[in-house]
Amino acid sequence: MEQIDLASHQDITDFSDEEQVSVNKVNHQFQQESRLKGIVREFTIFNDVQCYQRVIRKHGGKHKFRINLTYLDVKSERDFILADSWLITAAISAVFSFLIVYAGWFSQLKFSQSMLTLMAITSVSFCCIAFLIALLRTNDRIVFFSRHGHAPILEFINKNPDSQTFQEFKDTLQKQILQARKNSGLSATDQLKLELKELRRLKDETVISEALYEKAKKRILKNRAFTS
């Protein structure tokens, strides 16, 4: 994994570092890769409280940002989206291919061999394409949200590169979040204010959308600690 460059402007994200955070210590590094989708995700926990994420897309450039772990919720949520419509299409195409083969080999009806061959090839090809699209559109993600605003911040590919390695990193990240929160020494009100500031920065860097930021902002402003 290459060295963290917090000041680079070569990526898609308008990456800014208003706090001028320097990298003094690297705690842990983790990398995920989805070759089928052409995506590489790199995560670096540094200075005990910061997490740097860089996403590299084969055909879509790079995207990176930094988040203070103090403002993350230790709990994560699984977001599993199955492209069932394309899987059904692939299954129907496979059945149709079988029927064509059956008609050509076992049926007593007379069919044009060249026509049956063309239909079978077309059906099998469509089945493979539909199955490939289903794999590309199916997502199994683990998402960490901001603590009070519940805005999605860190996103991981579930069980990648394997279940054990991913679980170990997930456990490490959760322990680091708890430790960062414990060492912050911030009051409840200050935590809310600084989380809102952090989310505003991420919104300006296009990490989260304007709509997600406004939704998170409303949740934070309604918090009892903020209104008291």
Foldseek 3Di string as FASTA:
>chain_A
DDDDDQPDPPFPFNRDDPVPDDFDFWDDKDWFDDVLQQKIWIWTDGPLFKIKIKIQHPPHTIAIYMDGLLFWDLDKDKDWDFPVVLLVLLVVLVVVLVVLVCCVPPNPDDDDPVVSVVSNVVSNVSSVVSVSVRVNPIAIWIFIAGHQLRFTADIDGAQPVHNVVVVVVSVVSSVSSVVSNVPPPDDPQVSLVVSLVRLVSCCSRVSDDPVSSVSSNVRSCPDPVNVD
